[in-house]
Structure formats: C-alpha cells, structure tokens
Amino acid sequence: MSARQADCIFCKIIKGDIPSNIIYQDDDVVAFPDINPVTPIHLLIVPRKHIPTITSMTEEETKVIGKMVMAAKKIAKDQGLSEKGYRLTINNGPDAGQIVMHVHMHFMGGRSLVWNH
C-alpha cells in the first residue's frame, strides 16, 4: 500500500477503519453519504481500488466508471429517484473541485437541481 493510499480517507472508509453508513457496496464500488451534502440525497460512489484521478486511470481501470454508473442506477431505484432524476458528477483535479484524490462520483438528488454558470 502506497503512502498516499494509506492516508486516503476513502480507502479508510472502504476498509472499515473510519465508520460510515454504507448505502451500497459490491466487489468493485462502495457508496456512502457525503459529509458536506448539497442536496437532500448526496452520496459518494467510489471504486474499491485506489485510483487518484481520472487522468491517472489506465484503460483497464476506466471500466470501473461503468460499474459506478450501474451502482448509481441501483441506488436511484432504492432511493425512489429513478423517475424524478438525479445528478452524477465526477471532479478531476484541484481546479475542478476534487478534494480527495481518490476517484469518486457524486450522486445528488432529492430536489430539483439547476445548473449554475
């Protein structure tokens, strides 16, 4: 385990070292609430494998993005958002707002969302 991975808060949540309310998990991804929610339902969907950024992903690792989307689809159904809608966002790098350097997808819903420019 690299030093970065050992210090990664998401890796610690995945391992169970930091308690969290796990909403969804399978062999490849885990979902849990964002600690700073901006919508009534705001979850983070993260790969179990530590991948710092989209830019650093190998072609093989990009397959996990599809698995994250499928997890979002299942979560949306469980949360009653399949028909109303929800937003999925991935930030890549500091200028995009990525704070934790472990690829993650924001799942946001539970109210009408607007796009601010």
PDB file of N, CA and C in Angstrom:
ATOM      1  N   MET A   1       0.856  -1.183   0.000  1.00  0.00           N
ATOM      2  CA  MET A   1       0.000   0.000   0.000  1.00  0.00           C
ATOM      3  C   MET A   1       0.892   1.232   0.000  1.00  0.00           C
ATOM      4  N   SER A   2       0.622   2.143  -0.934  1.00  0.00           N
ATOM      5  CA  SER A   2       1.410   3.367  -1.016  1.00  0.00           C
ATOM      6  C   SER A   2       1.072   4.290   0.151  1.00  0.00           C
ATOM      7  N   ALA A   3       1.965   5.253   0.405  1.00  0.00           N
ATOM      8  CA  ALA A   3       1.729   6.212   1.490  1.00  0.00           C
ATOM      9  C   ALA A   3       0.457   7.017   1.216  1.00  0.00           C
ATOM     10  N   ARG A   4       0.255   7.404  -0.062  1.00  0.00           N
ATOM     11  CA  ARG A   4      -0.958   8.158  -0.409  1.00  0.00           C
ATOM     12  C   ARG A   4      -2.208   7.335  -0.125  1.00  0.00           C
ATOM     13  N   GLN A   5      -2.163   6.060  -0.503  1.00  0.00           N
ATOM     14  CA  GLN A   5      -3.315   5.189  -0.283  1.00  0.00           C
ATOM     15  C   GLN A   5      -3.555   5.003   1.212  1.00  0.00           C
ATOM     16  N   ALA A   6      -2.503   4.866   1.992  1.00  0.00           N
ATOM     17  CA  ALA A   6      -2.638   4.675   3.443  1.00  0.00           C
ATOM     18  C   ALA A   6      -3.277   5.888   4.107  1.00  0.00           C
ATOM     19  N   ASP A   7      -3.068   7.073   3.541  1.00  0.00           N
ATOM     20  CA  ASP A   7      -3.625   8.307   4.093  1.00  0.00           C
ATOM     21  C   ASP A   7      -4.982   8.672   3.507  1.00  0.00           C
ATOM     22  N   CYS A   8      -5.457   7.928   2.531  1.00  0.00           N
ATOM     23  CA  CYS A   8      -6.689   8.261   1.819  1.00  0.00           C
ATOM     24  C   CYS A   8      -7.923   7.981   2.688  1.00  0.00           C
ATOM     25  N   ILE A   9      -8.713   9.008   2.930  1.00  0.00           N
ATOM     26  CA  ILE A   9      -9.900   8.856   3.771  1.00  0.00           C
ATOM     27  C   ILE A   9     -10.903   7.876   3.154  1.00  0.00           C
ATOM     28  N   PHE A  10     -11.023   7.867   1.826  1.00  0.00           N
ATOM     29  CA  PHE A  10     -11.957   6.936   1.192  1.00  0.00           C
ATOM     30  C   PHE A  10     -11.478   5.500   1.337  1.00  0.00           C
ATOM     31  N   CYS A  11     -10.171   5.270   1.216  1.00  0.00           N
ATOM     32  CA  CYS A  11      -9.633   3.914   1.424  1.00  0.00           C
ATOM     33  C   CYS A  11      -9.897   3.463   2.859  1.00  0.00           C
ATOM     34  N   LYS A  12      -9.793   4.385   3.812  1.00  0.00           N
ATOM     35  CA  LYS A  12     -10.051   4.042   5.212  1.00  0.00           C
ATOM     36  C   LYS A  12     -11.528   3.708   5.431  1.00  0.00           C
ATOM     37  N   ILE A  13     -12.420   4.419   4.763  1.00  0.00           N
ATOM     38  CA  ILE A  13     -13.858   4.111   4.858  1.00  0.00           C
ATOM     39  C   ILE A  13     -14.133   2.747   4.239  1.00  0.00           C
ATOM     40  N   ILE A  14     -13.558   2.490   3.070  1.00  0.00           N
ATOM     41  CA  ILE A  14     -13.755   1.210   2.387  1.00  0.00           C
ATOM     42  C   ILE A  14     -13.267   0.053   3.254  1.00  0.00           C
ATOM     43  N   LYS A  15     -12.130   0.225   3.911  1.00  0.00           N
ATOM     44  CA  LYS A  15     -11.576  -0.830   4.768  1.00  0.00           C
ATOM     45  C   LYS A  15     -12.332  -0.968   6.086  1.00  0.00           C
ATOM     46  N   GLY A  16     -13.136   0.022   6.445  1.00  0.00           N
ATOM     47  CA  GLY A  16     -13.865  -0.008   7.702  1.00  0.00           C
ATOM     48  C   GLY A  16     -13.114   0.638   8.851  1.00  0.00           C
ATOM     49  N   ASP A  17     -11.969   1.256   8.569  1.00  0.00           N
ATOM     50  CA  ASP A  17     -11.194   1.935   9.607  1.00  0.00           C
ATOM     51  C   ASP A  17     -11.879   3.210  10.082  1.00  0.00           C
ATOM     52  N   ILE A  18     -12.659   3.829   9.206  1.00  0.00           N
ATOM     53  CA  ILE A  18     -13.463   5.003   9.557  1.00  0.00           C
ATOM     54  C   ILE A  18     -14.915   4.599   9.343  1.00  0.00           C
ATOM     55  N   PRO A  19     -15.733   4.701  10.379  1.00  0.00           N
ATOM     56  CA  PRO A  19     -17.138   4.299  10.226  1.00  0.00           C
ATOM     57  C   PRO A  19     -17.891   5.213   9.265  1.00  0.00           C
ATOM     58  N   SER A  20     -18.769   4.603   8.496  1.00  0.00           N
ATOM     59  CA  SER A  20     -19.638   5.345   7.595  1.00  0.00           C
ATOM     60  C   SER A  20     -20.889   4.513   7.368  1.00  0.00           C
ATOM     61  N   ASN A  21     -21.945   5.163   6.973  1.00  0.00           N
ATOM     62  CA  ASN A  21     -23.197   4.483   6.657  1.00  0.00           C
ATOM     63  C   ASN A  21     -23.116   4.021   5.198  1.00  0.00           C
ATOM     64  N   ILE A  22     -22.670   2.802   4.992  1.00  0.00           N
ATOM     65  CA  ILE A  22     -22.521   2.282   3.632  1.00  0.00           C
ATOM     66  C   ILE A  22     -23.906   2.054   3.042  1.00  0.00           C
ATOM     67  N   ILE A  23     -24.216   2.769   1.977  1.00  0.00           N
ATOM     68  CA  ILE A  23     -25.523   2.711   1.317  1.00  0.00           C
ATOM     69  C   ILE A  23     -25.552   1.589   0.292  1.00  0.00           C
ATOM     70  N   TYR A  24     -24.413   1.339  -0.343  1.00  0.00           N
ATOM     71  CA  TYR A  24     -24.318   0.318  -1.389  1.00  0.00           C
ATOM     72  C   TYR A  24     -22.881  -0.173  -1.438  1.00  0.00           C
ATOM     73  N   GLN A  25     -22.722  -1.469  -1.706  1.00  0.00           N
ATOM     74  CA  GLN A  25     -21.390  -1.992  -1.959  1.00  0.00           C
ATOM     75  C   GLN A  25     -21.478  -3.262  -2.777  1.00  0.00           C
ATOM     76  N   ASP A  26     -20.470  -3.459  -3.601  1.00  0.00           N
ATOM     77  CA  ASP A  26     -20.320  -4.714  -4.326  1.00  0.00           C
ATOM     78  C   ASP A  26     -18.814  -4.977  -4.411  1.00  0.00           C
ATOM     79  N   ASP A  27     -18.401  -5.855  -5.288  1.00  0.00           N
ATOM     80  CA  ASP A  27     -16.983  -6.214  -5.371  1.00  0.00           C
ATOM     81  C   ASP A  27     -16.103  -5.071  -5.861  1.00  0.00           C
ATOM     82  N   ASP A  28     -16.697  -4.103  -6.562  1.00  0.00           N
ATOM     83  CA  ASP A  28     -15.900  -3.062  -7.198  1.00  0.00           C
ATOM     84  C   ASP A  28     -16.081  -1.661  -6.643  1.00  0.00           C
ATOM     85  N   VAL A  29     -17.269  -1.352  -6.118  1.00  0.00           N
ATOM     86  CA  VAL A  29     -17.547   0.012  -5.673  1.00  0.00           C
ATOM     87  C   VAL A  29     -18.269   0.036  -4.328  1.00  0.00           C
ATOM     88  N   VAL A  30     -18.172   1.178  -3.670  1.00  0.00           N
ATOM     89  CA  VAL A  30     -18.824   1.418  -2.382  1.00  0.00           C
ATOM     90  C   VAL A  30     -19.467   2.808  -2.455  1.00  0.00           C
ATOM     91  N   ALA A  31     -20.645   2.959  -1.845  1.00  0.00           N
ATOM     92  CA  ALA A  31     -21.309   4.261  -1.801  1.00  0.00           C
ATOM     93  C   ALA A  31     -21.669   4.602  -0.357  1.00  0.00           C
ATOM     94  N   PHE A  32     -21.438   5.857  -0.006  1.00  0.00           N
ATOM     95  CA  PHE A  32     -21.718   6.337   1.346  1.00  0.00           C
ATOM     96  C   PHE A  32     -22.045   7.826   1.278  1.00  0.00           C
ATOM     97  N   PRO A  33     -22.679   8.366   2.326  1.00  0.00           N
ATOM     98  CA  PRO A  33     -23.072   9.786   2.307  1.00  0.00           C
ATOM     99  C   PRO A  33     -21.871  10.731   2.271  1.00  0.00           C
ATOM    100  N   ASP A  34     -22.030  11.828   1.538  1.00  0.00           N
ATOM    101  CA  ASP A  34     -21.048  12.910   1.539  1.00  0.00           C
ATOM    102  C   ASP A  34     -21.156  13.625   2.886  1.00  0.00           C
ATOM    103  N   ILE A  35     -20.020  13.980   3.477  1.00  0.00           N
ATOM    104  CA  ILE A  35     -20.069  14.649   4.792  1.00  0.00           C
ATOM    105  C   ILE A  35     -20.499  16.112   4.679  1.00  0.00           C
ATOM    106  N   ASN A  36     -20.479  16.658   3.462  1.00  0.00           N
ATOM    107  CA  ASN A  36     -20.939  18.030   3.226  1.00  0.00           C
ATOM    108  C   ASN A  36     -21.995  18.014   2.120  1.00  0.00           C
ATOM    109  N   PRO A  37     -23.183  17.487   2.418  1.00  0.00           N
ATOM    110  CA  PRO A  37     -24.191  17.338   1.370  1.00  0.00           C
ATOM    111  C   PRO A  37     -24.710  18.682   0.858  1.00  0.00           C
ATOM    112  N   VAL A  38     -24.955  18.720  -0.457  1.00  0.00           N
ATOM    113  CA  VAL A  38     -25.538  19.921  -1.068  1.00  0.00           C
ATOM    114  C   VAL A  38     -26.952  19.650  -1.572  1.00  0.00           C
ATOM    115  N   THR A  39     -27.404  18.423  -1.447  1.00  0.00           N
ATOM    116  CA  THR A  39     -28.772  18.030  -1.800  1.00  0.00           C
ATOM    117  C   THR A  39     -29.282  17.094  -0.707  1.00  0.00           C
ATOM    118  N   PRO A  40     -30.595  16.903  -0.615  1.00  0.00           N
ATOM    119  CA  PRO A  40     -31.121  16.005   0.414  1.00  0.00           C
ATOM    120  C   PRO A  40     -30.523  14.593   0.355  1.00  0.00           C
ATOM    121  N   ILE A  41     -30.266  14.108  -0.843  1.00  0.00           N
ATOM    122  CA  ILE A  41     -29.565  12.833  -1.009  1.00  0.00           C
ATOM    123  C   ILE A  41     -28.272  13.145  -1.747  1.00  0.00           C
ATOM    124  N   HIS A  42     -27.145  13.007  -1.056  1.00  0.00           N
ATOM    125  CA  HIS A  42     -25.838  13.297  -1.646  1.00  0.00           C
ATOM    126  C   HIS A  42     -24.885  12.204  -1.190  1.00  0.00           C
ATOM    127  N   LEU A  43     -24.610  11.301  -2.110  1.00  0.00           N
ATOM    128  CA  LEU A  43     -23.744  10.161  -1.823  1.00  0.00           C
ATOM    129  C   LEU A  43     -22.479  10.239  -2.658  1.00  0.00           C
ATOM    130  N   LEU A  44     -21.452   9.541  -2.204  1.00  0.00           N
ATOM    131  CA  LEU A  44     -20.234   9.381  -2.990  1.00  0.00           C
ATOM    132  C   LEU A  44     -20.134   7.922  -3.396  1.00  0.00           C
ATOM    133  N   ILE A  45     -19.899   7.681  -4.662  1.00  0.00           N
ATOM    134  CA  ILE A  45     -19.697   6.328  -5.173  1.00  0.00           C
ATOM    135  C   ILE A  45     -18.223   6.240  -5.545  1.00  0.00           C
ATOM    136  N   VAL A  46     -17.507   5.321  -4.902  1.00  0.00           N
ATOM    137  CA  VAL A  46     -16.059   5.237  -5.075  1.00  0.00           C
ATOM    138  C   VAL A  46     -15.639   3.824  -5.450  1.00  0.00           C
ATOM    139  N   PRO A  47     -14.600   3.700  -6.283  1.00  0.00           N
ATOM    140  CA  PRO A  47     -14.074   2.364  -6.550  1.00  0.00           C
ATOM    141  C   PRO A  47     -13.325   1.851  -5.327  1.00  0.00           C
ATOM    142  N   ARG A  48     -13.376   0.559  -5.106  1.00  0.00           N
ATOM    143  CA  ARG A  48     -12.607  -0.027  -4.008  1.00  0.00           C
ATOM    144  C   ARG A  48     -11.108   0.165  -4.238  1.00  0.00           C
ATOM    145  N   LYS A  49     -10.697   0.086  -5.493  1.00  0.00           N
ATOM    146  CA  LYS A  49      -9.283   0.271  -5.824  1.00  0.00           C
ATOM    147  C   LYS A  49      -8.939   1.752  -5.735  1.00  0.00           C
ATOM    148  N   HIS A  50      -7.817   2.043  -5.130  1.00  0.00           N
ATOM    149  CA  HIS A  50      -7.375   3.437  -5.035  1.00  0.00           C
ATOM    150  C   HIS A  50      -6.860   3.893  -6.401  1.00  0.00           C
ATOM    151  N   ILE A  51      -7.599   4.816  -6.988  1.00  0.00           N
ATOM    152  CA  ILE A  51      -7.206   5.450  -8.247  1.00  0.00           C
ATOM    153  C   ILE A  51      -7.296   6.949  -7.973  1.00  0.00           C
ATOM    154  N   PRO A  52      -6.190   7.669  -8.009  1.00  0.00           N
ATOM    155  CA  PRO A  52      -6.212   9.079  -7.605  1.00  0.00           C
ATOM    156  C   PRO A  52      -7.110   9.983  -8.440  1.00  0.00           C
ATOM    157  N   THR A  53      -7.003   9.909  -9.761  1.00  0.00           N
ATOM    158  CA  THR A  53      -7.748  10.824 -10.623  1.00  0.00           C
ATOM    159  C   THR A  53      -8.160  10.110 -11.914  1.00  0.00           C
ATOM    160  N   ILE A  54      -9.086  10.710 -12.638  1.00  0.00           N
ATOM    161  CA  ILE A  54      -9.454  10.201 -13.956  1.00  0.00           C
ATOM    162  C   ILE A  54      -8.218  10.227 -14.868  1.00  0.00           C
ATOM    163  N   THR A  55      -7.443  11.291 -14.778  1.00  0.00           N
ATOM    164  CA  THR A  55      -6.253  11.452 -15.611  1.00  0.00           C
ATOM    165  C   THR A  55      -5.246  10.323 -15.384  1.00  0.00           C
ATOM    166  N   SER A  56      -5.157   9.830 -14.173  1.00  0.00           N
ATOM    167  CA  SER A  56      -4.177   8.785 -13.861  1.00  0.00           C
ATOM    168  C   SER A  56      -4.667   7.374 -14.186  1.00  0.00           C
ATOM    169  N   MET A  57      -5.940   7.242 -14.596  1.00  0.00           N
ATOM    170  CA  MET A  57      -6.506   5.920 -14.859  1.00  0.00           C
ATOM    171  C   MET A  57      -5.862   5.255 -16.071  1.00  0.00           C
ATOM    172  N   THR A  58      -5.685   3.940 -15.958  1.00  0.00           N
ATOM    173  CA  THR A  58      -5.300   3.149 -17.123  1.00  0.00           C
ATOM    174  C   THR A  58      -6.574   2.803 -17.889  1.00  0.00           C
ATOM    175  N   GLU A  59      -6.420   2.339 -19.112  1.00  0.00           N
ATOM    176  CA  GLU A  59      -7.593   1.964 -19.888  1.00  0.00           C
ATOM    177  C   GLU A  59      -8.385   0.868 -19.170  1.00  0.00           C
ATOM    178  N   GLU A  60      -7.707  -0.087 -18.583  1.00  0.00           N
ATOM    179  CA  GLU A  60      -8.386  -1.166 -17.853  1.00  0.00           C
ATOM    180  C   GLU A  60      -9.164  -0.609 -16.654  1.00  0.00           C
ATOM    181  N   GLU A  61      -8.600   0.370 -15.964  1.00  0.00           N
ATOM    182  CA  GLU A  61      -9.264   0.948 -14.793  1.00  0.00           C
ATOM    183  C   GLU A  61     -10.516   1.741 -15.154  1.00  0.00           C
ATOM    184  N   THR A  62     -10.606   2.229 -16.390  1.00  0.00           N
ATOM    185  CA  THR A  62     -11.779   3.026 -16.763  1.00  0.00           C
ATOM    186  C   THR A  62     -13.069   2.201 -16.725  1.00  0.00           C
ATOM    187  N   LYS A  63     -12.967   0.894 -16.738  1.00  0.00           N
ATOM    188  CA  LYS A  63     -14.159   0.044 -16.663  1.00  0.00           C
ATOM    189  C   LYS A  63     -14.935   0.278 -15.366  1.00  0.00           C
ATOM    190  N   VAL A  64     -14.244   0.714 -14.333  1.00  0.00           N
ATOM    191  CA  VAL A  64     -14.912   0.937 -13.051  1.00  0.00           C
ATOM    192  C   VAL A  64     -15.913   2.086 -13.135  1.00  0.00           C
ATOM    193  N   ILE A  65     -15.717   3.012 -14.072  1.00  0.00           N
ATOM    194  CA  ILE A  65     -16.673   4.118 -14.224  1.00  0.00           C
ATOM    195  C   ILE A  65     -18.042   3.561 -14.586  1.00  0.00           C
ATOM    196  N   GLY A  66     -18.094   2.602 -15.488  1.00  0.00           N
ATOM    197  CA  GLY A  66     -19.362   1.958 -15.836  1.00  0.00           C
ATOM    198  C   GLY A  66     -19.982   1.268 -14.642  1.00  0.00           C
ATOM    199  N   LYS A  67     -19.160   0.654 -13.807  1.00  0.00           N
ATOM    200  CA  LYS A  67     -19.667  -0.011 -12.608  1.00  0.00           C
ATOM    201  C   LYS A  67     -20.205   1.012 -11.610  1.00  0.00           C
ATOM    202  N   MET A  68     -19.579   2.178 -11.557  1.00  0.00           N
ATOM    203  CA  MET A  68     -20.068   3.252 -10.691  1.00  0.00           C
ATOM    204  C   MET A  68     -21.422   3.753 -11.185  1.00  0.00           C
ATOM    205  N   VAL A  69     -21.575   3.879 -12.506  1.00  0.00           N
ATOM    206  CA  VAL A  69     -22.854   4.321 -13.080  1.00  0.00           C
ATOM    207  C   VAL A  69     -23.940   3.284 -12.791  1.00  0.00           C
ATOM    208  N   MET A  70     -23.631   2.011 -12.917  1.00  0.00           N
ATOM    209  CA  MET A  70     -24.619   0.969 -12.631  1.00  0.00           C
ATOM    210  C   MET A  70     -24.993   0.969 -11.143  1.00  0.00           C
ATOM    211  N   ALA A  71     -24.028   1.238 -10.273  1.00  0.00           N
ATOM    212  CA  ALA A  71     -24.334   1.370  -8.850  1.00  0.00           C
ATOM    213  C   ALA A  71     -25.281   2.547  -8.633  1.00  0.00           C
ATOM    214  N   ALA A  72     -25.032   3.659  -9.329  1.00  0.00           N
ATOM    215  CA  ALA A  72     -25.905   4.835  -9.223  1.00  0.00           C
ATOM    216  C   ALA A  72     -27.321   4.488  -9.658  1.00  0.00           C
ATOM    217  N   LYS A  73     -27.452   3.720 -10.704  1.00  0.00           N
ATOM    218  CA  LYS A  73     -28.771   3.301 -11.187  1.00  0.00           C
ATOM    219  C   LYS A  73     -29.507   2.499 -10.105  1.00  0.00           C
ATOM    220  N   LYS A  74     -28.810   1.594  -9.453  1.00  0.00           N
ATOM    221  CA  LYS A  74     -29.422   0.795  -8.386  1.00  0.00           C
ATOM    222  C   LYS A  74     -29.779   1.670  -7.181  1.00  0.00           C
ATOM    223  N   ILE A  75     -28.886   2.573  -6.833  1.00  0.00           N
ATOM    224  CA  ILE A  75     -29.139   3.476  -5.708  1.00  0.00           C
ATOM    225  C   ILE A  75     -30.347   4.358  -6.015  1.00  0.00           C
ATOM    226  N   ALA A  76     -30.436   4.870  -7.238  1.00  0.00           N
ATOM    227  CA  ALA A  76     -31.566   5.725  -7.628  1.00  0.00           C
ATOM    228  C   ALA A  76     -32.880   4.979  -7.459  1.00  0.00           C
ATOM    229  N   LYS A  77     -32.912   3.731  -7.860  1.00  0.00           N
ATOM    230  CA  LYS A  77     -34.129   2.937  -7.703  1.00  0.00           C
ATOM    231  C   LYS A  77     -34.461   2.775  -6.225  1.00  0.00           C
ATOM    232  N   ASP A  78     -33.457   2.436  -5.411  1.00  0.00           N
ATOM    233  CA  ASP A  78     -33.667   2.249  -3.970  1.00  0.00           C
ATOM    234  C   ASP A  78     -34.110   3.537  -3.273  1.00  0.00           C
ATOM    235  N   GLN A  79     -33.636   4.670  -3.766  1.00  0.00           N
ATOM    236  CA  GLN A  79     -33.946   5.970  -3.148  1.00  0.00           C
ATOM    237  C   GLN A  79     -35.202   6.608  -3.746  1.00  0.00           C
ATOM    238  N   GLY A  80     -35.841   5.937  -4.707  1.00  0.00           N
ATOM    239  CA  GLY A  80     -37.039   6.474  -5.341  1.00  0.00           C
ATOM    240  C   GLY A  80     -36.773   7.632  -6.287  1.00  0.00           C
ATOM    241  N   LEU A  81     -35.573   7.667  -6.878  1.00  0.00           N
ATOM    242  CA  LEU A  81     -35.209   8.783  -7.748  1.00  0.00           C
ATOM    243  C   LEU A  81     -35.126   8.411  -9.225  1.00  0.00           C
ATOM    244  N   SER A  82     -35.400   7.171  -9.576  1.00  0.00           N
ATOM    245  CA  SER A  82     -35.256   6.734 -10.967  1.00  0.00           C
ATOM    246  C   SER A  82     -36.064   7.583 -11.930  1.00  0.00           C
ATOM    247  N   GLU A  83     -37.291   7.917 -11.564  1.00  0.00           N
ATOM    248  CA  GLU A  83     -38.168   8.681 -12.452  1.00  0.00           C
ATOM    249  C   GLU A  83     -37.976  10.188 -12.311  1.00  0.00           C
ATOM    250  N   LYS A  84     -37.755  10.669 -11.088  1.00  0.00           N
ATOM    251  CA  LYS A  84     -37.610  12.111 -10.854  1.00  0.00           C
ATOM    252  C   LYS A  84     -36.293  12.648 -11.378  1.00  0.00           C
ATOM    253  N   GLY A  85     -35.250  11.860 -11.242  1.00  0.00           N
ATOM    254  CA  GLY A  85     -33.933  12.270 -11.729  1.00  0.00           C
ATOM    255  C   GLY A  85     -32.938  12.509 -10.617  1.00  0.00           C
ATOM    256  N   TYR A  86     -31.690  12.543 -11.015  1.00  0.00           N
ATOM    257  CA  TYR A  86     -30.562  12.734 -10.110  1.00  0.00           C
ATOM    258  C   TYR A  86     -29.369  13.177 -10.948  1.00  0.00           C
ATOM    259  N   ARG A  87     -28.369  13.698 -10.280  1.00  0.00           N
ATOM    260  CA  ARG A  87     -27.170  14.183 -10.973  1.00  0.00           C
ATOM    261  C   ARG A  87     -25.974  13.341 -10.556  1.00  0.00           C
ATOM    262  N   LEU A  88     -25.135  13.009 -11.534  1.00  0.00           N
ATOM    263  CA  LEU A  88     -23.870  12.329 -11.294  1.00  0.00           C
ATOM    264  C   LEU A  88     -22.755  13.260 -11.745  1.00  0.00           C
ATOM    265  N   THR A  89     -21.777  13.478 -10.864  1.00  0.00           N
ATOM    266  CA  THR A  89     -20.675  14.381 -11.176  1.00  0.00           C
ATOM    267  C   THR A  89     -19.361  13.761 -10.740  1.00  0.00           C
ATOM    268  N   ILE A  90     -18.359  13.853 -11.617  1.00  0.00           N
ATOM    269  CA  ILE A  90     -17.001  13.455 -11.261  1.00  0.00           C
ATOM    270  C   ILE A  90     -16.115  14.676 -11.453  1.00  0.00           C
ATOM    271  N   ASN A  91     -15.444  15.095 -10.392  1.00  0.00           N
ATOM    272  CA  ASN A  91     -14.483  16.188 -10.467  1.00  0.00           C
ATOM    273  C   ASN A  91     -13.098  15.578 -10.664  1.00  0.00           C
ATOM    274  N   ASN A  92     -12.276  16.186 -11.519  1.00  0.00           N
ATOM    275  CA  ASN A  92     -10.949  15.665 -11.791  1.00  0.00           C
ATOM    276  C   ASN A  92      -9.904  16.744 -11.549  1.00  0.00           C
ATOM    277  N   GLY A  93      -9.210  16.635 -10.435  1.00  0.00           N
ATOM    278  CA  GLY A  93      -8.137  17.570 -10.110  1.00  0.00           C
ATOM    279  C   GLY A  93      -8.605  18.753  -9.279  1.00  0.00           C
ATOM    280  N   PRO A  94      -7.653  19.438  -8.690  1.00  0.00           N
ATOM    281  CA  PRO A  94      -7.959  20.546  -7.781  1.00  0.00           C
ATOM    282  C   PRO A  94      -8.781  21.676  -8.397  1.00  0.00           C
ATOM    283  N   ASP A  95      -8.489  22.064  -9.636  1.00  0.00           N
ATOM    284  CA  ASP A  95      -9.237  23.163 -10.254  1.00  0.00           C
ATOM    285  C   ASP A  95     -10.689  22.804 -10.515  1.00  0.00           C
ATOM    286  N   ALA A  96     -11.008  21.512 -10.552  1.00  0.00           N
ATOM    287  CA  ALA A  96     -12.392  21.070 -10.755  1.00  0.00           C
ATOM    288  C   ALA A  96     -13.105  20.845  -9.430  1.00  0.00           C
ATOM    289  N   GLY A  97     -12.385  20.995  -8.326  1.00  0.00           N
ATOM    290  CA  GLY A  97     -13.001  20.824  -7.017  1.00  0.00           C
ATOM    291  C   GLY A  97     -12.774  19.461  -6.396  1.00  0.00           C
ATOM    292  N   GLN A  98     -11.887  18.635  -6.973  1.00  0.00           N
ATOM    293  CA  GLN A  98     -11.598  17.331  -6.363  1.00  0.00           C
ATOM    294  C   GLN A  98     -10.739  17.560  -5.128  1.00  0.00           C
ATOM    295  N   ILE A  99     -11.306  17.258  -3.960  1.00  0.00           N
ATOM    296  CA  ILE A  99     -10.605  17.464  -2.693  1.00  0.00           C
ATOM    297  C   ILE A  99      -9.882  16.190  -2.267  1.00  0.00           C
ATOM    298  N   VAL A 100     -10.562  15.048  -2.378  1.00  0.00           N
ATOM    299  CA  VAL A 100      -9.947  13.762  -2.032  1.00  0.00           C
ATOM    300  C   VAL A 100      -9.420  13.135  -3.314  1.00  0.00           C
ATOM    301  N   MET A 101      -8.138  12.836  -3.334  1.00  0.00           N
ATOM    302  CA  MET A 101      -7.520  12.274  -4.533  1.00  0.00           C
ATOM    303  C   MET A 101      -7.719  10.759  -4.590  1.00  0.00           C
ATOM    304  N   HIS A 102      -8.980  10.404  -4.756  1.00  0.00           N
ATOM    305  CA  HIS A 102      -9.439   9.033  -4.984  1.00  0.00           C
ATOM    306  C   HIS A 102     -10.674   9.226  -5.849  1.00  0.00           C
ATOM    307  N   VAL A 103     -10.644   8.709  -7.061  1.00  0.00           N
ATOM    308  CA  VAL A 103     -11.753   8.910  -7.990  1.00  0.00           C
ATOM    309  C   VAL A 103     -13.071   8.658  -7.258  1.00  0.00           C
ATOM    310  N   HIS A 104     -14.029   9.555  -7.450  1.00  0.00           N
ATOM    311  CA  HIS A 104     -15.351   9.375  -6.845  1.00  0.00           C
ATOM    312  C   HIS A 104     -16.402  10.127  -7.651  1.00  0.00           C
ATOM    313  N   MET A 105     -17.597   9.584  -7.586  1.00  0.00           N
ATOM    314  CA  MET A 105     -18.737  10.150  -8.291  1.00  0.00           C
ATOM    315  C   MET A 105     -19.722  10.668  -7.258  1.00  0.00           C
ATOM    316  N   HIS A 106     -20.135  11.911  -7.408  1.00  0.00           N
ATOM    317  CA  HIS A 106     -21.178  12.472  -6.552  1.00  0.00           C
ATOM    318  C   HIS A 106     -22.532  12.071  -7.119  1.00  0.00           C
ATOM    319  N   PHE A 107     -23.374  11.507  -6.280  1.00  0.00           N
ATOM    320  CA  PHE A 107     -24.749  11.164  -6.614  1.00  0.00           C
ATOM    321  C   PHE A 107     -25.614  12.146  -5.844  1.00  0.00           C
ATOM    322  N   MET A 108     -26.331  13.027  -6.556  1.00  0.00           N
ATOM    323  CA  MET A 108     -27.094  14.085  -5.901  1.00  0.00           C
ATOM    324  C   MET A 108     -28.541  14.075  -6.387  1.00  0.00           C
ATOM    325  N   GLY A 109     -29.456  14.175  -5.448  1.00  0.00           N
ATOM    326  CA  GLY A 109     -30.862  14.210  -5.794  1.00  0.00           C
ATOM    327  C   GLY A 109     -31.727  14.525  -4.588  1.00  0.00           C
ATOM    328  N   GLY A 110     -33.010  14.380  -4.788  1.00  0.00           N
ATOM    329  CA  GLY A 110     -33.938  14.638  -3.699  1.00  0.00           C
ATOM    330  C   GLY A 110     -34.596  16.009  -3.763  1.00  0.00           C
ATOM    331  N   ARG A 111     -34.187  16.810  -4.746  1.00  0.00           N
ATOM    332  CA  ARG A 111     -34.810  18.100  -5.006  1.00  0.00           C
ATOM    333  C   ARG A 111     -34.501  18.477  -6.444  1.00  0.00           C
ATOM    334  N   SER A 112     -35.213  19.473  -6.948  1.00  0.00           N
ATOM    335  CA  SER A 112     -34.956  19.965  -8.293  1.00  0.00           C
ATOM    336  C   SER A 112     -33.604  20.643  -8.324  1.00  0.00           C
ATOM    337  N   LEU A 113     -32.802  20.314  -9.321  1.00  0.00           N
ATOM    338  CA  LEU A 113     -31.455  20.881  -9.425  1.00  0.00           C
ATOM    339  C   LEU A 113     -31.367  21.824 -10.616  1.00  0.00           C
ATOM    340  N   VAL A 114     -30.632  22.903 -10.451  1.00  0.00           N
ATOM    341  CA  VAL A 114     -30.368  23.833 -11.549  1.00  0.00           C
ATOM    342  C   VAL A 114     -28.888  23.830 -11.832  1.00  0.00           C
ATOM    343  N   TRP A 115     -28.544  24.297 -13.011  1.00  0.00           N
ATOM    344  CA  TRP A 115     -27.130  24.365 -13.377  1.00  0.00           C
ATOM    345  C   TRP A 115     -26.702  25.824 -13.295  1.00  0.00           C
ATOM    346  N   ASN A 116     -25.745  26.122 -12.424  1.00  0.00           N
ATOM    347  CA  ASN A 116     -25.244  27.496 -12.267  1.00  0.00           C
ATOM    348  C   ASN A 116     -24.026  27.675 -13.147  1.00  0.00           C
ATOM    349  N   HIS A 117     -23.986  28.789 -13.834  1.00  0.00           N
ATOM    350  CA  HIS A 117     -22.833  29.072 -14.727  1.00  0.00           C
ATOM    351  C   HIS A 117     -21.901  30.052 -14.081  1.00  0.00           C
TER     352      HIS A 117
END
